[in-house]
mmCIF file of all heavy atoms, coordinates in Angstrom:
data_MODEL
# 
_entry.id   MODEL 
# 
loop_
_atom_site.group_PDB 
_atom_site.id 
_atom_site.type_symbol 
_atom_site.label_atom_id 
_atom_site.label_alt_id 
_atom_site.label_comp_id 
_atom_site.label_asym_id 
_atom_site.label_entity_id 
_atom_site.label_seq_id 
_atom_site.pdbx_PDB_ins_code 
_atom_site.Cartn_x 
_atom_site.Cartn_y 
_atom_site.Cartn_z 
_atom_site.occupancy 
_atom_site.B_iso_or_equiv 
_atom_site.pdbx_formal_charge 
_atom_site.auth_seq_id 
_atom_site.auth_comp_id 
_atom_site.auth_asym_id 
_atom_site.auth_atom_id 
_atom_site.pdbx_PDB_model_num 
ATOM 1   N N   . GLY A 1 1  ? 0.798  -1.215  0.000  1.00 0.00 ? 1  GLY A N   1 
ATOM 2   C CA  . GLY A 1 1  ? 0.000  0.000   0.000  1.00 0.00 ? 1  GLY A CA  1 
ATOM 3   C C   . GLY A 1 1  ? 0.832  1.266   0.000  1.00 0.00 ? 1  GLY A C   1 
ATOM 4   O O   . GLY A 1 1  ? 0.392  2.304   -0.521 1.00 0.00 ? 1  GLY A O   1 
ATOM 5   N N   . PHE A 1 2  ? 2.037  1.187   0.580  1.00 0.00 ? 2  PHE A N   1 
ATOM 6   C CA  . PHE A 1 2  ? 2.917  2.353   0.636  1.00 0.00 ? 2  PHE A CA  1 
ATOM 7   C C   . PHE A 1 2  ? 4.109  2.247   -0.329 1.00 0.00 ? 2  PHE A C   1 
ATOM 8   O O   . PHE A 1 2  ? 5.000  3.083   -0.298 1.00 0.00 ? 2  PHE A O   1 
ATOM 9   C CB  . PHE A 1 2  ? 3.454  2.542   2.055  1.00 0.00 ? 2  PHE A CB  1 
ATOM 10  C CG  . PHE A 1 2  ? 2.433  3.048   3.039  1.00 0.00 ? 2  PHE A CG  1 
ATOM 11  C CD1 . PHE A 1 2  ? 1.776  2.170   3.885  1.00 0.00 ? 2  PHE A CD1 1 
ATOM 12  C CD2 . PHE A 1 2  ? 2.117  4.390   3.103  1.00 0.00 ? 2  PHE A CD2 1 
ATOM 13  C CE1 . PHE A 1 2  ? 0.832  2.638   4.797  1.00 0.00 ? 2  PHE A CE1 1 
ATOM 14  C CE2 . PHE A 1 2  ? 1.173  4.864   4.009  1.00 0.00 ? 2  PHE A CE2 1 
ATOM 15  C CZ  . PHE A 1 2  ? 0.526  3.985   4.859  1.00 0.00 ? 2  PHE A CZ  1 
ATOM 16  N N   . ASN A 1 3  ? 4.128  1.176   -1.152 1.00 0.00 ? 3  ASN A N   1 
ATOM 17  C CA  . ASN A 1 3  ? 5.244  0.948   -2.085 1.00 0.00 ? 3  ASN A CA  1 
ATOM 18  C C   . ASN A 1 3  ? 6.566  0.877   -1.326 1.00 0.00 ? 3  ASN A C   1 
ATOM 19  O O   . ASN A 1 3  ? 7.560  1.514   -1.692 1.00 0.00 ? 3  ASN A O   1 
ATOM 20  C CB  . ASN A 1 3  ? 5.294  2.040   -3.150 1.00 0.00 ? 3  ASN A CB  1 
ATOM 21  C CG  . ASN A 1 3  ? 6.196  1.666   -4.324 1.00 0.00 ? 3  ASN A CG  1 
ATOM 22  O OD1 . ASN A 1 3  ? 6.468  0.484   -4.557 1.00 0.00 ? 3  ASN A OD1 1 
ATOM 23  N ND2 . ASN A 1 3  ? 6.683  2.659   -5.045 1.00 0.00 ? 3  ASN A ND2 1 
ATOM 24  N N   . MET A 1 4  ? 6.576  0.089   -0.260 1.00 0.00 ? 4  MET A N   1 
ATOM 25  C CA  . MET A 1 4  ? 7.738  -0.002  0.639  1.00 0.00 ? 4  MET A CA  1 
ATOM 26  C C   . MET A 1 4  ? 8.731  -1.071  0.199  1.00 0.00 ? 4  MET A C   1 
ATOM 27  O O   . MET A 1 4  ? 8.351  -2.129  -0.302 1.00 0.00 ? 4  MET A O   1 
ATOM 28  C CB  . MET A 1 4  ? 7.289  -0.375  2.056  1.00 0.00 ? 4  MET A CB  1 
ATOM 29  C CG  . MET A 1 4  ? 6.565  0.677   2.821  1.00 0.00 ? 4  MET A CG  1 
ATOM 30  S SD  . MET A 1 4  ? 6.109  0.016   4.461  1.00 0.00 ? 4  MET A SD  1 
ATOM 31  C CE  . MET A 1 4  ? 5.268  1.442   5.147  1.00 0.00 ? 4  MET A CE  1 
ATOM 32  N N   . THR A 1 5  ? 9.995  -0.794  0.432  1.00 0.00 ? 5  THR A N   1 
ATOM 33  C CA  . THR A 1 5  ? 11.031 -1.817  0.522  1.00 0.00 ? 5  THR A CA  1 
ATOM 34  C C   . THR A 1 5  ? 11.278 -2.036  2.003  1.00 0.00 ? 5  THR A C   1 
ATOM 35  O O   . THR A 1 5  ? 11.551 -1.071  2.730  1.00 0.00 ? 5  THR A O   1 
ATOM 36  C CB  . THR A 1 5  ? 12.321 -1.365  -0.174 1.00 0.00 ? 5  THR A CB  1 
ATOM 37  O OG1 . THR A 1 5  ? 12.064 -1.133  -1.559 1.00 0.00 ? 5  THR A OG1 1 
ATOM 38  C CG2 . THR A 1 5  ? 13.408 -2.418  -0.024 1.00 0.00 ? 5  THR A CG2 1 
ATOM 39  N N   . PHE A 1 6  ? 11.170 -3.268  2.486  1.00 0.00 ? 6  PHE A N   1 
ATOM 40  C CA  . PHE A 1 6  ? 11.275 -3.489  3.924  1.00 0.00 ? 6  PHE A CA  1 
ATOM 41  C C   . PHE A 1 6  ? 11.990 -4.804  4.212  1.00 0.00 ? 6  PHE A C   1 
ATOM 42  O O   . PHE A 1 6  ? 12.114 -5.679  3.339  1.00 0.00 ? 6  PHE A O   1 
ATOM 43  C CB  . PHE A 1 6  ? 9.874  -3.513  4.566  1.00 0.00 ? 6  PHE A CB  1 
ATOM 44  C CG  . PHE A 1 6  ? 9.099  -4.779  4.302  1.00 0.00 ? 6  PHE A CG  1 
ATOM 45  C CD1 . PHE A 1 6  ? 9.111  -5.832  5.219  1.00 0.00 ? 6  PHE A CD1 1 
ATOM 46  C CD2 . PHE A 1 6  ? 8.362  -4.939  3.135  1.00 0.00 ? 6  PHE A CD2 1 
ATOM 47  C CE1 . PHE A 1 6  ? 8.408  -6.999  4.972  1.00 0.00 ? 6  PHE A CE1 1 
ATOM 48  C CE2 . PHE A 1 6  ? 7.652  -6.107  2.882  1.00 0.00 ? 6  PHE A CE2 1 
ATOM 49  C CZ  . PHE A 1 6  ? 7.667  -7.138  3.807  1.00 0.00 ? 6  PHE A CZ  1 
ATOM 50  N N   . ALA A 1 7  ? 12.452 -4.931  5.444  1.00 0.00 ? 7  ALA A N   1 
ATOM 51  C CA  . ALA A 1 7  ? 13.058 -6.174  5.897  1.00 0.00 ? 7  ALA A CA  1 
ATOM 52  C C   . ALA A 1 7  ? 12.943 -6.263  7.414  1.00 0.00 ? 7  ALA A C   1 
ATOM 53  O O   . ALA A 1 7  ? 13.049 -5.243  8.114  1.00 0.00 ? 7  ALA A O   1 
ATOM 54  C CB  . ALA A 1 7  ? 14.522 -6.267  5.474  1.00 0.00 ? 7  ALA A CB  1 
ATOM 55  N N   . PHE A 1 8  ? 12.703 -7.470  7.915  1.00 0.00 ? 8  PHE A N   1 
ATOM 56  C CA  . PHE A 1 8  ? 12.730 -7.740  9.349  1.00 0.00 ? 8  PHE A CA  1 
ATOM 57  C C   . PHE A 1 8  ? 14.068 -8.393  9.688  1.00 0.00 ? 8  PHE A C   1 
ATOM 58  O O   . PHE A 1 8  ? 14.559 -9.243  8.934  1.00 0.00 ? 8  PHE A O   1 
ATOM 59  C CB  . PHE A 1 8  ? 11.579 -8.666  9.745  1.00 0.00 ? 8  PHE A CB  1 
ATOM 60  C CG  . PHE A 1 8  ? 10.235 -7.984  9.788  1.00 0.00 ? 8  PHE A CG  1 
ATOM 61  C CD1 . PHE A 1 8  ? 9.424  -7.961  8.664  1.00 0.00 ? 8  PHE A CD1 1 
ATOM 62  C CD2 . PHE A 1 8  ? 9.794  -7.369  10.951 1.00 0.00 ? 8  PHE A CD2 1 
ATOM 63  C CE1 . PHE A 1 8  ? 8.186  -7.339  8.695  1.00 0.00 ? 8  PHE A CE1 1 
ATOM 64  C CE2 . PHE A 1 8  ? 8.561  -6.737  10.994 1.00 0.00 ? 8  PHE A CE2 1 
ATOM 65  C CZ  . PHE A 1 8  ? 7.753  -6.718  9.868  1.00 0.00 ? 8  PHE A CZ  1 
ATOM 66  N N   . HIS A 1 9  ? 14.651 -8.007  10.813 1.00 0.00 ? 9  HIS A N   1 
ATOM 67  C CA  . HIS A 1 9  ? 15.976 -8.485  11.196 1.00 0.00 ? 9  HIS A CA  1 
ATOM 68  C C   . HIS A 1 9  ? 15.973 -9.007  12.629 1.00 0.00 ? 9  HIS A C   1 
ATOM 69  O O   . HIS A 1 9  ? 15.326 -8.411  13.506 1.00 0.00 ? 9  HIS A O   1 
ATOM 70  C CB  . HIS A 1 9  ? 17.006 -7.356  11.094 1.00 0.00 ? 9  HIS A CB  1 
ATOM 71  C CG  . HIS A 1 9  ? 16.966 -6.605  9.810  1.00 0.00 ? 9  HIS A CG  1 
ATOM 72  N ND1 . HIS A 1 9  ? 17.588 -7.048  8.662  1.00 0.00 ? 9  HIS A ND1 1 
ATOM 73  C CD2 . HIS A 1 9  ? 16.359 -5.420  9.486  1.00 0.00 ? 9  HIS A CD2 1 
ATOM 74  C CE1 . HIS A 1 9  ? 17.374 -6.167  7.685  1.00 0.00 ? 9  HIS A CE1 1 
ATOM 75  N NE2 . HIS A 1 9  ? 16.643 -5.184  8.166  1.00 0.00 ? 9  HIS A NE2 1 
ATOM 76  N N   . ASP A 1 10 ? 16.700 -10.079 12.843 1.00 0.00 ? 10 ASP A N   1 
ATOM 77  C CA  . ASP A 1 10 ? 16.947 -10.589 14.193 1.00 0.00 ? 10 ASP A CA  1 
ATOM 78  C C   . ASP A 1 10 ? 18.255 -9.977  14.681 1.00 0.00 ? 10 ASP A C   1 
ATOM 79  O O   . ASP A 1 10 ? 19.328 -10.296 14.160 1.00 0.00 ? 10 ASP A O   1 
ATOM 80  C CB  . ASP A 1 10 ? 17.038 -12.110 14.160 1.00 0.00 ? 10 ASP A CB  1 
ATOM 81  C CG  . ASP A 1 10 ? 17.209 -12.730 15.553 1.00 0.00 ? 10 ASP A CG  1 
ATOM 82  O OD1 . ASP A 1 10 ? 17.590 -12.002 16.498 1.00 0.00 ? 10 ASP A OD1 1 
ATOM 83  O OD2 . ASP A 1 10 ? 16.969 -13.934 15.689 1.00 0.00 ? 10 ASP A OD2 1 
ATOM 84  N N   . ASP A 1 11 ? 18.178 -9.090  15.677 1.00 0.00 ? 11 ASP A N   1 
ATOM 85  C CA  . ASP A 1 11 ? 19.383 -8.404  16.151 1.00 0.00 ? 11 ASP A CA  1 
ATOM 86  C C   . ASP A 1 11 ? 20.367 -9.339  16.838 1.00 0.00 ? 11 ASP A C   1 
ATOM 87  O O   . ASP A 1 11 ? 21.509 -8.965  17.101 1.00 0.00 ? 11 ASP A O   1 
ATOM 88  C CB  . ASP A 1 11 ? 18.991 -7.269  17.117 1.00 0.00 ? 11 ASP A CB  1 
ATOM 89  C CG  . ASP A 1 11 ? 18.439 -6.054  16.375 1.00 0.00 ? 11 ASP A CG  1 
ATOM 90  O OD1 . ASP A 1 11 ? 18.560 -6.026  15.135 1.00 0.00 ? 11 ASP A OD1 1 
ATOM 91  O OD2 . ASP A 1 11 ? 17.887 -5.153  17.024 1.00 0.00 ? 11 ASP A OD2 1 
ATOM 92  N N   . GLY A 1 12 ? 19.927 -10.554 17.132 1.00 0.00 ? 12 GLY A N   1 
ATOM 93  C CA  . GLY A 1 12 ? 20.828 -11.512 17.763 1.00 0.00 ? 12 GLY A CA  1 
ATOM 94  C C   . GLY A 1 12 ? 21.720 -12.243 16.781 1.00 0.00 ? 12 GLY A C   1 
ATOM 95  O O   . GLY A 1 12 ? 22.649 -12.945 17.184 1.00 0.00 ? 12 GLY A O   1 
ATOM 96  N N   . LEU A 1 13 ? 21.441 -12.106 15.488 1.00 0.00 ? 13 LEU A N   1 
ATOM 97  C CA  . LEU A 1 13 ? 22.237 -12.786 14.469 1.00 0.00 ? 13 LEU A CA  1 
ATOM 98  C C   . LEU A 1 13 ? 23.367 -11.885 13.991 1.00 0.00 ? 13 LEU A C   1 
ATOM 99  O O   . LEU A 1 13 ? 23.146 -10.718 13.675 1.00 0.00 ? 13 LEU A O   1 
ATOM 100 C CB  . LEU A 1 13 ? 21.356 -13.181 13.281 1.00 0.00 ? 13 LEU A CB  1 
ATOM 101 C CG  . LEU A 1 13 ? 20.228 -14.178 13.563 1.00 0.00 ? 13 LEU A CG  1 
ATOM 102 C CD1 . LEU A 1 13 ? 19.440 -14.458 12.288 1.00 0.00 ? 13 LEU A CD1 1 
ATOM 103 C CD2 . LEU A 1 13 ? 20.779 -15.472 14.141 1.00 0.00 ? 13 LEU A CD2 1 
ATOM 104 N N   . LYS A 1 14 ? 24.561 -12.428 13.909 1.00 0.00 ? 14 LYS A N   1 
ATOM 105 C CA  . LYS A 1 14 ? 25.708 -11.665 13.445 1.00 0.00 ? 14 LYS A CA  1 
ATOM 106 C C   . LYS A 1 14 ? 25.802 -11.701 11.917 1.00 0.00 ? 14 LYS A C   1 
ATOM 107 O O   . LYS A 1 14 ? 25.458 -12.704 11.288 1.00 0.00 ? 14 LYS A O   1 
ATOM 108 C CB  . LYS A 1 14 ? 27.003 -12.207 14.053 1.00 0.00 ? 14 LYS A CB  1 
ATOM 109 C CG  . LYS A 1 14 ? 27.095 -12.028 15.556 1.00 0.00 ? 14 LYS A CG  1 
ATOM 110 C CD  . LYS A 1 14 ? 28.433 -12.532 16.078 1.00 0.00 ? 14 LYS A CD  1 
ATOM 111 C CE  . LYS A 1 14 ? 28.566 -12.288 17.575 1.00 0.00 ? 14 LYS A CE  1 
ATOM 112 N NZ  . LYS A 1 14 ? 29.886 -12.736 18.096 1.00 0.00 ? 14 LYS A NZ  1 
ATOM 113 N N   . THR A 1 15 ? 26.264 -10.612 11.342 1.00 0.00 ? 15 THR A N   1 
ATOM 114 C CA  . THR A 1 15 ? 26.475 -10.536 9.902  1.00 0.00 ? 15 THR A CA  1 
ATOM 115 C C   . THR A 1 15 ? 27.744 -11.293 9.526  1.00 0.00 ? 15 THR A C   1 
ATOM 116 O O   . THR A 1 15 ? 28.813 -11.057 10.097 1.00 0.00 ? 15 THR A O   1 
ATOM 117 C CB  . THR A 1 15 ? 26.599 -9.068  9.457  1.00 0.00 ? 15 THR A CB  1 
ATOM 118 O OG1 . THR A 1 15 ? 25.377 -8.387  9.749  1.00 0.00 ? 15 THR A OG1 1 
ATOM 119 C CG2 . THR A 1 15 ? 26.898 -8.973  7.966  1.00 0.00 ? 15 THR A CG2 1 
ATOM 120 N N   . LYS A 1 16 ? 27.630 -12.198 8.574  1.00 0.00 ? 16 LYS A N   1 
ATOM 121 C CA  . LYS A 1 16 ? 28.804 -12.943 8.116  1.00 0.00 ? 16 LYS A CA  1 
ATOM 122 C C   . LYS A 1 16 ? 29.627 -12.052 7.189  1.00 0.00 ? 16 LYS A C   1 
ATOM 123 O O   . LYS A 1 16 ? 29.098 -11.520 6.205  1.00 0.00 ? 16 LYS A O   1 
ATOM 124 C CB  . LYS A 1 16 ? 28.379 -14.219 7.394  1.00 0.00 ? 16 LYS A CB  1 
ATOM 125 C CG  . LYS A 1 16 ? 27.736 -15.258 8.304  1.00 0.00 ? 16 LYS A CG  1 
ATOM 126 C CD  . LYS A 1 16 ? 27.431 -16.538 7.544  1.00 0.00 ? 16 LYS A CD  1 
ATOM 127 C CE  . LYS A 1 16 ? 26.861 -17.592 8.489  1.00 0.00 ? 16 LYS A CE  1 
ATOM 128 N NZ  . LYS A 1 16 ? 26.573 -18.856 7.765  1.00 0.00 ? 16 LYS A NZ  1 
ATOM 129 N N   . ALA A 1 17 ? 30.907 -11.910 7.509  1.00 0.00 ? 17 ALA A N   1 
ATOM 130 C CA  . ALA A 1 17 ? 31.750 -10.964 6.772  1.00 0.00 ? 17 ALA A CA  1 
ATOM 131 C C   . ALA A 1 17 ? 33.046 -11.614 6.303  1.00 0.00 ? 17 ALA A C   1 
ATOM 132 O O   . ALA A 1 17 ? 33.635 -12.445 7.011  1.00 0.00 ? 17 ALA A O   1 
ATOM 133 C CB  . ALA A 1 17 ? 32.073 -9.752  7.635  1.00 0.00 ? 17 ALA A CB  1 
ATOM 134 N N   . ILE A 1 18 ? 33.475 -11.227 5.120  1.00 0.00 ? 18 ILE A N   1 
ATOM 135 C CA  . ILE A 1 18 ? 34.795 -11.557 4.585  1.00 0.00 ? 18 ILE A CA  1 
ATOM 136 C C   . ILE A 1 18 ? 35.651 -10.295 4.681  1.00 0.00 ? 18 ILE A C   1 
ATOM 137 O O   . ILE A 1 18 ? 35.234 -9.215  4.250  1.00 0.00 ? 18 ILE A O   1 
ATOM 138 C CB  . ILE A 1 18 ? 34.712 -12.006 3.113  1.00 0.00 ? 18 ILE A CB  1 
ATOM 139 C CG1 . ILE A 1 18 ? 34.037 -13.375 2.985  1.00 0.00 ? 18 ILE A CG1 1 
ATOM 140 C CG2 . ILE A 1 18 ? 36.100 -12.026 2.469  1.00 0.00 ? 18 ILE A CG2 1 
ATOM 141 C CD1 . ILE A 1 18 ? 34.899 -14.546 3.419  1.00 0.00 ? 18 ILE A CD1 1 
ATOM 142 N N   . ILE A 1 19 ? 36.841 -10.418 5.255  1.00 0.00 ? 19 ILE A N   1 
ATOM 143 C CA  . ILE A 1 19 ? 37.791 -9.303  5.318  1.00 0.00 ? 19 ILE A CA  1 
ATOM 144 C C   . ILE A 1 19 ? 38.836 -9.505  4.230  1.00 0.00 ? 19 ILE A C   1 
ATOM 145 O O   . ILE A 1 19 ? 39.406 -10.588 4.094  1.00 0.00 ? 19 ILE A O   1 
ATOM 146 C CB  . ILE A 1 19 ? 38.485 -9.224  6.689  1.00 0.00 ? 19 ILE A CB  1 
ATOM 147 C CG1 . ILE A 1 19 ? 37.472 -9.297  7.833  1.00 0.00 ? 19 ILE A CG1 1 
ATOM 148 C CG2 . ILE A 1 19 ? 39.329 -7.958  6.785  1.00 0.00 ? 19 ILE A CG2 1 
ATOM 149 C CD1 . ILE A 1 19 ? 36.484 -8.188  7.872  1.00 0.00 ? 19 ILE A CD1 1 
ATOM 150 N N   . MET A 1 20 ? 39.103 -8.441  3.463  1.00 0.00 ? 20 MET A N   1 
ATOM 151 C CA  . MET A 1 20 ? 40.134 -8.493  2.431  1.00 0.00 ? 20 MET A CA  1 
ATOM 152 C C   . MET A 1 20 ? 41.231 -7.484  2.776  1.00 0.00 ? 20 MET A C   1 
ATOM 153 O O   . MET A 1 20 ? 40.930 -6.342  3.137  1.00 0.00 ? 20 MET A O   1 
ATOM 154 C CB  . MET A 1 20 ? 39.531 -8.214  1.058  1.00 0.00 ? 20 MET A CB  1 
ATOM 155 C CG  . MET A 1 20 ? 38.513 -9.278  0.640  1.00 0.00 ? 20 MET A CG  1 
ATOM 156 S SD  . MET A 1 20 ? 37.734 -8.983  -0.977 1.00 0.00 ? 20 MET A SD  1 
ATOM 157 C CE  . MET A 1 20 ? 39.143 -9.112  -2.067 1.00 0.00 ? 20 MET A CE  1 
ATOM 158 N N   . VAL A 1 21 ? 42.476 -7.905  2.675  1.00 0.00 ? 21 VAL A N   1 
ATOM 159 C CA  . VAL A 1 21 ? 43.602 -7.087  3.121  1.00 0.00 ? 21 VAL A CA  1 
ATOM 160 C C   . VAL A 1 21 ? 44.799 -7.327  2.211  1.00 0.00 ? 21 VAL A C   1 
ATOM 161 O O   . VAL A 1 21 ? 44.922 -8.399  1.602  1.00 0.00 ? 21 VAL A O   1 
ATOM 162 C CB  . VAL A 1 21 ? 43.958 -7.424  4.592  1.00 0.00 ? 21 VAL A CB  1 
ATOM 163 C CG1 . VAL A 1 21 ? 44.453 -8.858  4.716  1.00 0.00 ? 21 VAL A CG1 1 
ATOM 164 C CG2 . VAL A 1 21 ? 44.982 -6.446  5.164  1.00 0.00 ? 21 VAL A CG2 1 
ATOM 165 N N   . SER A 1 22 ? 45.671 -6.338  2.123  1.00 0.00 ? 22 SER A N   1 
ATOM 166 C CA  . SER A 1 22 ? 46.924 -6.506  1.384  1.00 0.00 ? 22 SER A CA  1 
ATOM 167 C C   . SER A 1 22 ? 48.088 -6.493  2.369  1.00 0.00 ? 22 SER A C   1 
ATOM 168 O O   . SER A 1 22 ? 48.246 -7.427  3.137  1.00 0.00 ? 22 SER A O   1 
ATOM 169 C CB  . SER A 1 22 ? 47.070 -5.433  0.307  1.00 0.00 ? 22 SER A CB  1 
ATOM 170 O OG  . SER A 1 22 ? 46.129 -5.648  -0.729 1.00 0.00 ? 22 SER A OG  1 
ATOM 171 N N   . ARG A 1 23 ? 48.862 -5.403  2.409  1.00 0.00 ? 23 ARG A N   1 
ATOM 172 C CA  . ARG A 1 23 ? 50.070 -5.412  3.239  1.00 0.00 ? 23 ARG A CA  1 
ATOM 173 C C   . ARG A 1 23 ? 49.993 -4.487  4.439  1.00 0.00 ? 23 ARG A C   1 
ATOM 174 O O   . ARG A 1 23 ? 50.919 -4.453  5.245  1.00 0.00 ? 23 ARG A O   1 
ATOM 175 C CB  . ARG A 1 23 ? 51.284 -5.051  2.389  1.00 0.00 ? 23 ARG A CB  1 
ATOM 176 C CG  . ARG A 1 23 ? 51.730 -6.218  1.518  1.00 0.00 ? 23 ARG A CG  1 
ATOM 177 C CD  . ARG A 1 23 ? 53.035 -5.934  0.811  1.00 0.00 ? 23 ARG A CD  1 
ATOM 178 N NE  . ARG A 1 23 ? 53.684 -7.150  0.383  1.00 0.00 ? 23 ARG A NE  1 
ATOM 179 C CZ  . ARG A 1 23 ? 54.328 -7.293  -0.770 1.00 0.00 ? 23 ARG A CZ  1 
ATOM 180 N NH1 . ARG A 1 23 ? 54.404 -6.268  -1.604 1.00 0.00 ? 23 ARG A NH1 1 
ATOM 181 N NH2 . ARG A 1 23 ? 54.900 -8.427  -1.090 1.00 0.00 ? 23 ARG A NH2 1 
ATOM 182 N N   . PHE A 1 24 ? 48.915 -3.717  4.590  1.00 0.00 ? 24 PHE A N   1 
ATOM 183 C CA  . PHE A 1 24 ? 48.736 -2.870  5.768  1.00 0.00 ? 24 PHE A CA  1 
ATOM 184 C C   . PHE A 1 24 ? 47.705 -3.541  6.658  1.00 0.00 ? 24 PHE A C   1 
ATOM 185 O O   . PHE A 1 24 ? 46.530 -3.630  6.306  1.00 0.00 ? 24 PHE A O   1 
ATOM 186 C CB  . PHE A 1 24 ? 48.284 -1.459  5.370  1.00 0.00 ? 24 PHE A CB  1 
ATOM 187 C CG  . PHE A 1 24 ? 49.274 -0.728  4.514  1.00 0.00 ? 24 PHE A CG  1 
ATOM 188 C CD1 . PHE A 1 24 ? 49.056 -0.576  3.156  1.00 0.00 ? 24 PHE A CD1 1 
ATOM 189 C CD2 . PHE A 1 24 ? 50.429 -0.199  5.068  1.00 0.00 ? 24 PHE A CD2 1 
ATOM 190 C CE1 . PHE A 1 24 ? 49.970 0.097   2.355  1.00 0.00 ? 24 PHE A CE1 1 
ATOM 191 C CE2 . PHE A 1 24 ? 51.352 0.474   4.278  1.00 0.00 ? 24 PHE A CE2 1 
ATOM 192 C CZ  . PHE A 1 24 ? 51.129 0.623   2.919  1.00 0.00 ? 24 PHE A CZ  1 
ATOM 193 N N   . GLY A 1 25 ? 48.140 -3.985  7.851  1.00 0.00 ? 25 GLY A N   1 
ATOM 194 C CA  . GLY A 1 25 ? 47.290 -4.848  8.671  1.00 0.00 ? 25 GLY A CA  1 
ATOM 195 C C   . GLY A 1 25 ? 46.595 -4.181  9.828  1.00 0.00 ? 25 GLY A C   1 
ATOM 196 O O   . GLY A 1 25 ? 45.944 -4.869  10.624 1.00 0.00 ? 25 GLY A O   1 
# 
């Protein structure tokens, strides 16, 4: 009805992340 983009989130779940690095750590 409002043309929404929406999402429900569980704040207890951690975001899975990939870290990319070169020579500065």
